[in-house]
PDB file of N, CA and C in Angstrom:
ATOM      1  N   MET A   1      -2.448   6.516   5.679  1.00  0.00           N
ATOM      2  CA  MET A   1      -1.501   7.925   6.102  1.00  0.00           C
ATOM      3  C   MET A   1      -1.303   7.695   7.754  1.00  0.00           C
ATOM      4  N   ALA A   2      -0.487   8.104   8.252  1.00  0.00           N
ATOM      5  CA  ALA A   2       0.121   7.996   9.484  1.00  0.00           C
ATOM      6  C   ALA A   2      -0.769   8.839  10.597  1.00  0.00           C
ATOM      7  N   GLY A   3      -1.725   9.641  10.139  1.00  0.00           N
ATOM      8  CA  GLY A   3      -2.626  10.450  10.867  1.00  0.00           C
ATOM      9  C   GLY A   3      -2.520  11.765  10.302  1.00  0.00           C
ATOM     10  N   ARG A   4      -2.986  12.794  11.095  1.00  0.00           N
ATOM     11  CA  ARG A   4      -3.007  13.860  10.615  1.00  0.00           C
ATOM     12  C   ARG A   4      -1.612  14.410  10.360  1.00  0.00           C
ATOM     13  N   VAL A   5      -0.848  14.181   9.508  1.00  0.00           N
ATOM     14  CA  VAL A   5       0.651  14.611   9.051  1.00  0.00           C
ATOM     15  C   VAL A   5       0.803  15.879   9.217  1.00  0.00           C
ATOM     16  N   GLY A   6       0.164  16.870   8.608  1.00  0.00           N
ATOM     17  CA  GLY A   6       0.044  18.314   8.523  1.00  0.00           C
ATOM     18  C   GLY A   6      -0.016  18.889   9.659  1.00  0.00           C
ATOM     19  N   ARG A   7      -0.501  18.267  10.739  1.00  0.00           N
ATOM     20  CA  ARG A   7      -0.340  18.758  12.163  1.00  0.00           C
ATOM     21  C   ARG A   7       0.690  18.154  13.206  1.00  0.00           C
ATOM     22  N   GLY A   8       1.145  17.418  12.480  1.00  0.00           N
ATOM     23  CA  GLY A   8       2.445  16.760  13.377  1.00  0.00           C
ATOM     24  C   GLY A   8       1.637  15.415  14.055  1.00  0.00           C
ATOM     25  N   GLU A   9       0.408  14.952  13.773  1.00  0.00           N
ATOM     26  CA  GLU A   9       0.097  13.872  14.366  1.00  0.00           C
ATOM     27  C   GLU A   9       0.255  12.618  13.815  1.00  0.00           C
ATOM     28  N   ILE A  10       1.370  12.197  14.096  1.00  0.00           N
ATOM     29  CA  ILE A  10       1.894  11.005  13.445  1.00  0.00           C
ATOM     30  C   ILE A  10       1.662   9.832  14.292  1.00  0.00           C
ATOM     31  N   TRP A  11       1.074   8.796  14.025  1.00  0.00           N
ATOM     32  CA  TRP A  11       1.186   7.460  14.734  1.00  0.00           C
ATOM     33  C   TRP A  11       0.574   7.903  16.016  1.00  0.00           C
ATOM     34  N   GLN A  12      -0.428   8.747  16.107  1.00  0.00           N
ATOM     35  CA  GLN A  12      -1.036   9.224  17.473  1.00  0.00           C
ATOM     36  C   GLN A  12      -2.459   8.480  17.549  1.00  0.00           C
ATOM     37  N   PHE A  13      -2.921   7.733  16.800  1.00  0.00           N
ATOM     38  CA  PHE A  13      -4.031   7.088  16.814  1.00  0.00           C
ATOM     39  C   PHE A  13      -3.864   5.833  17.703  1.00  0.00           C
ATOM     40  N   ASP A  14      -5.055   5.323  18.152  1.00  0.00           N
ATOM     41  CA  ASP A  14      -5.190   4.142  19.040  1.00  0.00           C
ATOM     42  C   ASP A  14      -5.134   2.770  17.904  1.00  0.00           C
ATOM     43  N   GLU A  15      -6.093   2.815  17.073  1.00  0.00           N
ATOM     44  CA  GLU A  15      -6.147   1.494  16.218  1.00  0.00           C
ATOM     45  C   GLU A  15      -6.677   1.592  14.783  1.00  0.00           C
ATOM     46  N   PHE A  16      -6.266   1.206  13.674  1.00  0.00           N
ATOM     47  CA  PHE A  16      -6.847   1.490  12.619  1.00  0.00           C
ATOM     48  C   PHE A  16      -6.707  -0.140  11.846  1.00  0.00           C
ATOM     49  N   SER A  17      -7.980  -0.463  11.439  1.00  0.00           N
ATOM     50  CA  SER A  17      -8.443  -1.656  10.715  1.00  0.00           C
ATOM     51  C   SER A  17      -8.883  -1.343   9.505  1.00  0.00           C
ATOM     52  N   SER A  18      -8.344  -2.242   8.435  1.00  0.00           N
ATOM     53  CA  SER A  18      -8.473  -2.294   7.143  1.00  0.00           C
ATOM     54  C   SER A  18      -8.848  -3.651   6.495  1.00  0.00           C
ATOM     55  N   GLU A  19      -9.819  -3.860   5.641  1.00  0.00           N
ATOM     56  CA  GLU A  19      -9.834  -4.850   4.694  1.00  0.00           C
ATOM     57  C   GLU A  19     -10.140  -4.373   3.248  1.00  0.00           C
ATOM     58  N   THR A  20      -9.208  -4.996   2.226  1.00  0.00           N
ATOM     59  CA  THR A  20      -9.575  -4.568   1.119  1.00  0.00           C
ATOM     60  C   THR A  20      -9.741  -6.062   0.215  1.00  0.00           C
ATOM     61  N   SER A  21     -10.996  -5.950  -0.504  1.00  0.00           N
ATOM     62  CA  SER A  21     -10.875  -7.251  -1.232  1.00  0.00           C
ATOM     63  C   SER A  21     -11.696  -7.041  -2.643  1.00  0.00           C
ATOM     64  N   LEU A  22     -11.239  -7.751  -3.609  1.00  0.00           N
ATOM     65  CA  LEU A  22     -11.600  -7.575  -5.136  1.00  0.00           C
ATOM     66  C   LEU A  22     -12.124  -9.207  -5.623  1.00  0.00           C
ATOM     67  N   ARG A  23     -13.199  -8.795  -5.883  1.00  0.00           N
ATOM     68  CA  ARG A  23     -14.262  -9.878  -6.522  1.00  0.00           C
ATOM     69  C   ARG A  23     -14.577  -9.810  -7.954  1.00  0.00           C
ATOM     70  N   VAL A  24     -14.226 -10.545  -8.585  1.00  0.00           N
ATOM     71  CA  VAL A  24     -14.764 -10.448 -10.203  1.00  0.00           C
ATOM     72  C   VAL A  24     -15.728 -11.658 -10.570  1.00  0.00           C
ATOM     73  N   ASN A  25     -16.866 -11.657 -10.829  1.00  0.00           N
ATOM     74  CA  ASN A  25     -17.754 -12.742 -11.004  1.00  0.00           C
ATOM     75  C   ASN A  25     -18.089 -13.596 -10.150  1.00  0.00           C
ATOM     76  N   GLY A  26     -17.988 -12.862  -8.600  1.00  0.00           N
ATOM     77  CA  GLY A  26     -18.177 -13.576  -7.189  1.00  0.00           C
ATOM     78  C   GLY A  26     -17.060 -14.300  -6.781  1.00  0.00           C
ATOM     79  N   ARG A  27     -16.201 -14.367  -7.571  1.00  0.00           N
ATOM     80  CA  ARG A  27     -14.742 -15.245  -7.227  1.00  0.00           C
ATOM     81  C   ARG A  27     -13.730 -14.054  -6.418  1.00  0.00           C
ATOM     82  N   LEU A  28     -13.291 -14.347  -5.448  1.00  0.00           N
ATOM     83  CA  LEU A  28     -12.344 -13.610  -4.513  1.00  0.00           C
ATOM     84  C   LEU A  28     -10.994 -13.959  -5.206  1.00  0.00           C
ATOM     85  N   LEU A  29     -10.452 -12.381  -5.818  1.00  0.00           N
ATOM     86  CA  LEU A  29      -8.995 -12.437  -6.590  1.00  0.00           C
ATOM     87  C   LEU A  29      -8.431 -11.988  -5.591  1.00  0.00           C
ATOM     88  N   TYR A  30      -8.292 -11.153  -4.525  1.00  0.00           N
ATOM     89  CA  TYR A  30      -7.472 -10.352  -3.617  1.00  0.00           C
ATOM     90  C   TYR A  30      -8.172 -10.163  -2.287  1.00  0.00           C
ATOM     91  N   LEU A  31      -7.267 -10.503  -1.332  1.00  0.00           N
ATOM     92  CA  LEU A  31      -7.959 -10.032  -0.048  1.00  0.00           C
ATOM     93  C   LEU A  31      -6.591  -9.723   0.665  1.00  0.00           C
ATOM     94  N   ASP A  32      -6.830  -8.387   1.388  1.00  0.00           N
ATOM     95  CA  ASP A  32      -5.720  -7.856   2.006  1.00  0.00           C
ATOM     96  C   ASP A  32      -6.136  -7.466   3.350  1.00  0.00           C
ATOM     97  N   ARG A  33      -5.837  -7.775   4.460  1.00  0.00           N
ATOM     98  CA  ARG A  33      -6.388  -7.104   5.954  1.00  0.00           C
ATOM     99  C   ARG A  33      -5.151  -6.928   6.883  1.00  0.00           C
ATOM    100  N   PHE A  34      -5.079  -5.896   7.565  1.00  0.00           N
ATOM    101  CA  PHE A  34      -4.252  -5.304   8.398  1.00  0.00           C
ATOM    102  C   PHE A  34      -4.825  -4.529   9.511  1.00  0.00           C
ATOM    103  N   ARG A  35      -4.102  -4.775  10.480  1.00  0.00           N
ATOM    104  CA  ARG A  35      -4.501  -3.812  11.751  1.00  0.00           C
ATOM    105  C   ARG A  35      -3.306  -2.972  12.293  1.00  0.00           C
ATOM    106  N   LEU A  36      -3.310  -1.913  12.798  1.00  0.00           N
ATOM    107  CA  LEU A  36      -2.148  -1.136  13.190  1.00  0.00           C
ATOM    108  C   LEU A  36      -2.655  -0.778  14.717  1.00  0.00           C
ATOM    109  N   MET A  37      -1.821  -0.668  15.602  1.00  0.00           N
ATOM    110  CA  MET A  37      -2.092  -0.380  16.775  1.00  0.00           C
ATOM    111  C   MET A  37      -0.734   0.224  17.133  1.00  0.00           C
ATOM    112  N   PRO A  38      -0.492   1.470  16.779  1.00  0.00           N
ATOM    113  CA  PRO A  38       0.938   2.084  17.096  1.00  0.00           C
ATOM    114  C   PRO A  38       1.213   2.027  18.571  1.00  0.00           C
ATOM    115  N   LYS A  39       0.542   2.374  19.264  1.00  0.00           N
ATOM    116  CA  LYS A  39       0.926   2.380  20.837  1.00  0.00           C
ATOM    117  C   LYS A  39       1.594   1.222  21.324  1.00  0.00           C
ATOM    118  N   GLU A  40       1.256   0.027  20.635  1.00  0.00           N
ATOM    119  CA  GLU A  40       1.479  -1.266  21.272  1.00  0.00           C
ATOM    120  C   GLU A  40       2.616  -1.961  20.249  1.00  0.00           C
ATOM    121  N   ASP A  41       2.434  -1.754  18.983  1.00  0.00           N
ATOM    122  CA  ASP A  41       3.499  -2.030  18.033  1.00  0.00           C
ATOM    123  C   ASP A  41       3.719  -0.768  17.013  1.00  0.00           C
ATOM    124  N   PRO A  42       4.396   0.031  17.275  1.00  0.00           N
ATOM    125  CA  PRO A  42       4.913   1.002  16.445  1.00  0.00           C
ATOM    126  C   PRO A  42       5.416   0.577  15.090  1.00  0.00           C
ATOM    127  N   PRO A  43       4.625   1.215  14.099  1.00  0.00           N
ATOM    128  CA  PRO A  43       4.695   0.843  12.552  1.00  0.00           C
ATOM    129  C   PRO A  43       5.914   1.445  12.150  1.00  0.00           C
ATOM    130  N   ASN A  44       6.654   2.221  12.604  1.00  0.00           N
ATOM    131  CA  ASN A  44       7.620   3.069  12.145  1.00  0.00           C
ATOM    132  C   ASN A  44       8.888   2.184  11.757  1.00  0.00           C
ATOM    133  N   THR A  45       9.127   0.810  12.223  1.00  0.00           N
ATOM    134  CA  THR A  45      10.073   0.155  12.324  1.00  0.00           C
ATOM    135  C   THR A  45      10.737  -0.039  10.991  1.00  0.00           C
ATOM    136  N   GLU A  46      11.936  -0.523  10.517  1.00  0.00           N
ATOM    137  CA  GLU A  46      12.654  -0.585   9.383  1.00  0.00           C
ATOM    138  C   GLU A  46      11.598  -1.748   8.383  1.00  0.00           C
ATOM    139  N   TRP A  47      11.162  -2.796   9.073  1.00  0.00           N
ATOM    140  CA  TRP A  47      10.428  -3.727   8.405  1.00  0.00           C
ATOM    141  C   TRP A  47       8.800  -3.496   8.114  1.00  0.00           C
ATOM    142  N   MET A  48       8.552  -2.606   8.862  1.00  0.00           N
ATOM    143  CA  MET A  48       6.996  -1.922   8.518  1.00  0.00           C
ATOM    144  C   MET A  48       6.826  -0.816   7.633  1.00  0.00           C
ATOM    145  N   MET A  49       6.660   0.411   8.283  1.00  0.00           N
ATOM    146  CA  MET A  49       6.632   1.684   7.595  1.00  0.00           C
ATOM    147  C   MET A  49       7.965   2.287   7.306  1.00  0.00           C
ATOM    148  N   GLY A  50       8.679   1.967   8.334  1.00  0.00           N
ATOM    149  CA  GLY A  50       9.957   2.950   8.237  1.00  0.00           C
ATOM    150  C   GLY A  50       9.521   4.507   8.499  1.00  0.00           C
ATOM    151  N   ASN A  51      10.300   5.386   7.708  1.00  0.00           N
ATOM    152  CA  ASN A  51       9.754   6.746   7.632  1.00  0.00           C
ATOM    153  C   ASN A  51       8.945   7.008   6.698  1.00  0.00           C
ATOM    154  N   ALA A  52       8.037   6.178   6.174  1.00  0.00           N
ATOM    155  CA  ALA A  52       7.024   6.667   5.137  1.00  0.00           C
ATOM    156  C   ALA A  52       5.765   6.961   6.021  1.00  0.00           C
ATOM    157  N   ARG A  53       5.111   7.752   5.521  1.00  0.00           N
ATOM    158  CA  ARG A  53       3.633   8.195   6.121  1.00  0.00           C
ATOM    159  C   ARG A  53       2.529   7.978   5.715  1.00  0.00           C
ATOM    160  N   TYR A  54       2.790   7.241   4.572  1.00  0.00           N
ATOM    161  CA  TYR A  54       1.568   7.053   3.487  1.00  0.00           C
ATOM    162  C   TYR A  54       1.761   5.652   2.806  1.00  0.00           C
ATOM    163  N   LEU A  55       0.483   4.955   2.626  1.00  0.00           N
ATOM    164  CA  LEU A  55       0.591   3.617   2.208  1.00  0.00           C
ATOM    165  C   LEU A  55      -0.420   3.561   1.255  1.00  0.00           C
ATOM    166  N   ALA A  56      -0.060   2.914  -0.079  1.00  0.00           N
ATOM    167  CA  ALA A  56      -1.041   2.720  -1.077  1.00  0.00           C
ATOM    168  C   ALA A  56      -1.510   1.249  -1.431  1.00  0.00           C
ATOM    169  N   THR A  57      -2.101   0.802  -2.050  1.00  0.00           N
ATOM    170  CA  THR A  57      -2.484  -0.391  -2.767  1.00  0.00           C
ATOM    171  C   THR A  57      -3.025  -0.133  -3.916  1.00  0.00           C
ATOM    172  N   GLY A  58      -2.476  -0.837  -5.004  1.00  0.00           N
ATOM    173  CA  GLY A  58      -2.866  -0.629  -6.459  1.00  0.00           C
ATOM    174  C   GLY A  58      -3.121  -2.026  -7.085  1.00  0.00           C
ATOM    175  N   LEU A  59      -4.267  -2.184  -7.704  1.00  0.00           N
ATOM    176  CA  LEU A  59      -4.458  -3.669  -8.307  1.00  0.00           C
ATOM    177  C   LEU A  59      -4.810  -3.330  -9.804  1.00  0.00           C
ATOM    178  N   CYS A  60      -4.081  -3.987 -10.696  1.00  0.00           N
ATOM    179  CA  CYS A  60      -4.348  -3.980 -12.199  1.00  0.00           C
ATOM    180  C   CYS A  60      -4.764  -5.204 -12.328  1.00  0.00           C
ATOM    181  N   LEU A  61      -5.965  -5.568 -13.393  1.00  0.00           N
ATOM    182  CA  LEU A  61      -6.301  -6.960 -13.849  1.00  0.00           C
ATOM    183  C   LEU A  61      -6.808  -6.762 -15.238  1.00  0.00           C
ATOM    184  N   ASP A  62      -5.635  -6.640 -15.878  1.00  0.00           N
ATOM    185  CA  ASP A  62      -5.736  -6.408 -17.284  1.00  0.00           C
ATOM    186  C   ASP A  62      -4.709  -7.206 -18.198  1.00  0.00           C
ATOM    187  N   GLU A  63      -4.944  -7.333 -19.598  1.00  0.00           N
ATOM    188  CA  GLU A  63      -3.447  -7.823 -20.169  1.00  0.00           C
ATOM    189  C   GLU A  63      -2.120  -6.794 -20.220  1.00  0.00           C
ATOM    190  N   ARG A  64      -2.711  -5.644 -19.774  1.00  0.00           N
ATOM    191  CA  ARG A  64      -1.704  -4.511 -19.815  1.00  0.00           C
ATOM    192  C   ARG A  64      -1.007  -4.312 -18.510  1.00  0.00           C
ATOM    193  N   ALA A  65      -1.174  -5.190 -17.752  1.00  0.00           N
ATOM    194  CA  ALA A  65      -0.881  -4.985 -16.480  1.00  0.00           C
ATOM    195  C   ALA A  65       0.688  -5.133 -16.136  1.00  0.00           C
ATOM    196  N   PHE A  66       1.531  -5.457 -17.090  1.00  0.00           N
ATOM    197  CA  PHE A  66       2.723  -5.504 -17.036  1.00  0.00           C
ATOM    198  C   PHE A  66       3.381  -4.067 -17.457  1.00  0.00           C
ATOM    199  N   ASP A  67       2.695  -3.434 -18.605  1.00  0.00           N
ATOM    200  CA  ASP A  67       3.123  -2.072 -18.677  1.00  0.00           C
ATOM    201  C   ASP A  67       2.596  -1.128 -17.560  1.00  0.00           C
ATOM    202  N   PHE A  68       1.335  -1.572 -16.724  1.00  0.00           N
ATOM    203  CA  PHE A  68       1.174  -0.663 -15.315  1.00  0.00           C
ATOM    204  C   PHE A  68       2.144  -0.607 -14.550  1.00  0.00           C
ATOM    205  N   ALA A  69       2.937  -1.692 -14.399  1.00  0.00           N
ATOM    206  CA  ALA A  69       4.012  -1.902 -13.108  1.00  0.00           C
ATOM    207  C   ALA A  69       5.286  -1.411 -13.830  1.00  0.00           C
ATOM    208  N   GLU A  70       5.299  -1.288 -14.779  1.00  0.00           N
ATOM    209  CA  GLU A  70       6.551  -0.501 -15.713  1.00  0.00           C
ATOM    210  C   GLU A  70       6.511   1.225 -15.487  1.00  0.00           C
ATOM    211  N   ARG A  71       5.494   1.488 -15.715  1.00  0.00           N
ATOM    212  CA  ARG A  71       5.114   2.938 -15.591  1.00  0.00           C
ATOM    213  C   ARG A  71       5.235   3.412 -14.221  1.00  0.00           C
ATOM    214  N   ILE A  72       4.627   2.678 -13.101  1.00  0.00           N
ATOM    215  CA  ILE A  72       4.616   2.855 -11.955  1.00  0.00           C
ATOM    216  C   ILE A  72       6.195   3.128 -11.410  1.00  0.00           C
ATOM    217  N   HIS A  73       7.110   2.317 -11.691  1.00  0.00           N
ATOM    218  CA  HIS A  73       8.495   2.395 -11.389  1.00  0.00           C
ATOM    219  C   HIS A  73       9.011   3.490 -12.066  1.00  0.00           C
ATOM    220  N   LEU A  74       8.669   3.935 -13.289  1.00  0.00           N
ATOM    221  CA  LEU A  74       9.000   5.164 -14.049  1.00  0.00           C
ATOM    222  C   LEU A  74       8.471   6.596 -13.202  1.00  0.00           C
ATOM    223  N   LEU A  75       7.179   6.464 -13.074  1.00  0.00           N
ATOM    224  CA  LEU A  75       6.437   7.677 -12.306  1.00  0.00           C
ATOM    225  C   LEU A  75       6.692   7.929 -10.958  1.00  0.00           C
ATOM    226  N   LEU A  76       7.373   6.883 -10.135  1.00  0.00           N
ATOM    227  CA  LEU A  76       7.456   7.047  -8.819  1.00  0.00           C
ATOM    228  C   LEU A  76       8.826   6.393  -8.435  1.00  0.00           C
ATOM    229  N   PRO A  77       9.785   7.142  -8.983  1.00  0.00           N
ATOM    230  CA  PRO A  77      11.417   6.836  -8.622  1.00  0.00           C
ATOM    231  C   PRO A  77      11.688   6.698  -7.473  1.00  0.00           C
ATOM    232  N   ASP A  78      11.091   7.624  -6.519  1.00  0.00           N
ATOM    233  CA  ASP A  78      11.837   7.831  -5.162  1.00  0.00           C
ATOM    234  C   ASP A  78      10.736   6.945  -4.187  1.00  0.00           C
ATOM    235  N   THR A  79       9.910   6.246  -4.536  1.00  0.00           N
ATOM    236  CA  THR A  79       8.796   5.713  -3.950  1.00  0.00           C
ATOM    237  C   THR A  79       9.006   4.052  -3.531  1.00  0.00           C
ATOM    238  N   ALA A  80       8.932   3.806  -2.525  1.00  0.00           N
ATOM    239  CA  ALA A  80       9.133   2.142  -2.446  1.00  0.00           C
ATOM    240  C   ALA A  80       8.009   1.492  -2.892  1.00  0.00           C
ATOM    241  N   VAL A  81       8.051   0.653  -3.958  1.00  0.00           N
ATOM    242  CA  VAL A  81       7.194   0.066  -4.477  1.00  0.00           C
ATOM    243  C   VAL A  81       7.413  -1.393  -4.532  1.00  0.00           C
ATOM    244  N   GLY A  82       6.695  -2.122  -4.159  1.00  0.00           N
ATOM    245  CA  GLY A  82       6.661  -3.846  -4.258  1.00  0.00           C
ATOM    246  C   GLY A  82       5.614  -4.270  -5.250  1.00  0.00           C
ATOM    247  N   ILE A  83       5.890  -4.897  -6.153  1.00  0.00           N
ATOM    248  CA  ILE A  83       4.788  -5.464  -7.307  1.00  0.00           C
ATOM    249  C   ILE A  83       4.849  -6.915  -7.159  1.00  0.00           C
ATOM    250  N   ASP A  84       3.521  -7.216  -7.019  1.00  0.00           N
ATOM    251  CA  ASP A  84       3.664  -9.019  -7.108  1.00  0.00           C
ATOM    252  C   ASP A  84       2.796  -9.163  -8.433  1.00  0.00           C
ATOM    253  N   THR A  85       2.991 -10.469  -8.869  1.00  0.00           N
ATOM    254  CA  THR A  85       2.356 -10.812 -10.408  1.00  0.00           C
ATOM    255  C   THR A  85       1.872 -12.357 -10.328  1.00  0.00           C
ATOM    256  N   PRO A  86       0.709 -12.410  -9.574  1.00  0.00           N
ATOM    257  CA  PRO A  86       0.304 -13.761  -9.375  1.00  0.00           C
ATOM    258  C   PRO A  86      -0.185 -14.579 -10.770  1.00  0.00           C
ATOM    259  N   ARG A  87      -0.255 -13.970 -11.588  1.00  0.00           N
ATOM    260  CA  ARG A  87      -0.830 -14.392 -13.119  1.00  0.00           C
ATOM    261  C   ARG A  87      -0.229 -13.195 -13.805  1.00  0.00           C
ATOM    262  N   LEU A  88      -0.018 -13.399 -15.153  1.00  0.00           N
ATOM    263  CA  LEU A  88       0.571 -12.382 -16.219  1.00  0.00           C
ATOM    264  C   LEU A  88      -0.409 -11.139 -16.423  1.00  0.00           C
ATOM    265  N   GLU A  89      -1.698 -11.496 -16.447  1.00  0.00           N
ATOM    266  CA  GLU A  89      -2.530 -10.371 -16.316  1.00  0.00           C
ATOM    267  C   GLU A  89      -2.832  -9.644 -14.973  1.00  0.00           C
ATOM    268  N   ASN A  90      -2.234  -9.938 -13.992  1.00  0.00           N
ATOM    269  CA  ASN A  90      -2.551  -9.248 -12.793  1.00  0.00           C
ATOM    270  C   ASN A  90      -1.231  -8.795 -12.003  1.00  0.00           C
ATOM    271  N   ARG A  91      -1.392  -7.435 -11.724  1.00  0.00           N
ATOM    272  CA  ARG A  91      -0.479  -7.168 -10.905  1.00  0.00           C
ATOM    273  C   ARG A  91      -0.987  -6.468  -9.573  1.00  0.00           C
ATOM    274  N   MET A  92      -0.390  -6.643  -8.540  1.00  0.00           N
ATOM    275  CA  MET A  92      -0.732  -5.976  -7.270  1.00  0.00           C
ATOM    276  C   MET A  92       0.403  -5.218  -6.790  1.00  0.00           C
ATOM    277  N   SER A  93       0.135  -3.889  -6.188  1.00  0.00           N
ATOM    278  CA  SER A  93       1.370  -3.040  -5.985  1.00  0.00           C
ATOM    279  C   SER A  93       0.902  -2.719  -4.580  1.00  0.00           C
ATOM    280  N   ARG A  94       1.856  -2.305  -3.786  1.00  0.00           N
ATOM    281  CA  ARG A  94       2.074  -1.484  -2.783  1.00  0.00           C
ATOM    282  C   ARG A  94       3.026  -0.466  -2.609  1.00  0.00           C
ATOM    283  N   PHE A  95       2.847   0.669  -2.335  1.00  0.00           N
ATOM    284  CA  PHE A  95       3.494   1.861  -2.340  1.00  0.00           C
ATOM    285  C   PHE A  95       3.663   2.778  -1.091  1.00  0.00           C
ATOM    286  N   LEU A  96       4.944   2.994  -0.710  1.00  0.00           N
ATOM    287  CA  LEU A  96       5.144   3.426   0.593  1.00  0.00           C
ATOM    288  C   LEU A  96       5.892   4.919   0.220  1.00  0.00           C
ATOM    289  N   CYS A  97       5.471   5.703   0.909  1.00  0.00           N
ATOM    290  CA  CYS A  97       6.139   7.098   0.883  1.00  0.00           C
ATOM    291  C   CYS A  97       6.048   8.242   1.778  1.00  0.00           C
ATOM    292  N   GLU A  98       7.176   8.884   1.984  1.00  0.00           N
ATOM    293  CA  GLU A  98       7.225  10.031   3.508  1.00  0.00           C
ATOM    294  C   GLU A  98       6.422  11.065   3.117  1.00  0.00           C
ATOM    295  N   ASP A  99       6.283  11.440   1.886  1.00  0.00           N
ATOM    296  CA  ASP A  99       5.742  12.695   1.477  1.00  0.00           C
ATOM    297  C   ASP A  99       4.576  12.690   0.368  1.00  0.00           C
ATOM    298  N   CYS A 100       3.472  13.118   0.349  1.00  0.00           N
ATOM    299  CA  CYS A 100       2.605  13.143  -0.863  1.00  0.00           C
ATOM    300  C   CYS A 100       2.359  14.464  -1.275  1.00  0.00           C
ATOM    301  N   TYR A 101       2.715  14.937  -2.582  1.00  0.00           N
ATOM    302  CA  TYR A 101       2.448  16.063  -3.177  1.00  0.00           C
ATOM    303  C   TYR A 101       2.682  15.952  -4.312  1.00  0.00           C
TER     304      TYR A 101
END
């Protein structure tokens, strides 16, 4: 989230750091790290967040992962969605949207 959006406080924080990891049976399958510092490097540029104010990551590790990806595209047609398939049964998704409602 770009801050307290409902109050108009968009990208007004100093720093946000995030690390998400997924391990199965002790084996690292997914690692995502990022740090936002809006005052030094505004994230609302075209190649970062653009007009989006919300970011989400979805992980599906199942033989039905392909169906998951297809349903995401159908359910969220106005949302920017990037889906990666490192293996047939795995889908990693990143979602950007301007408003969440």
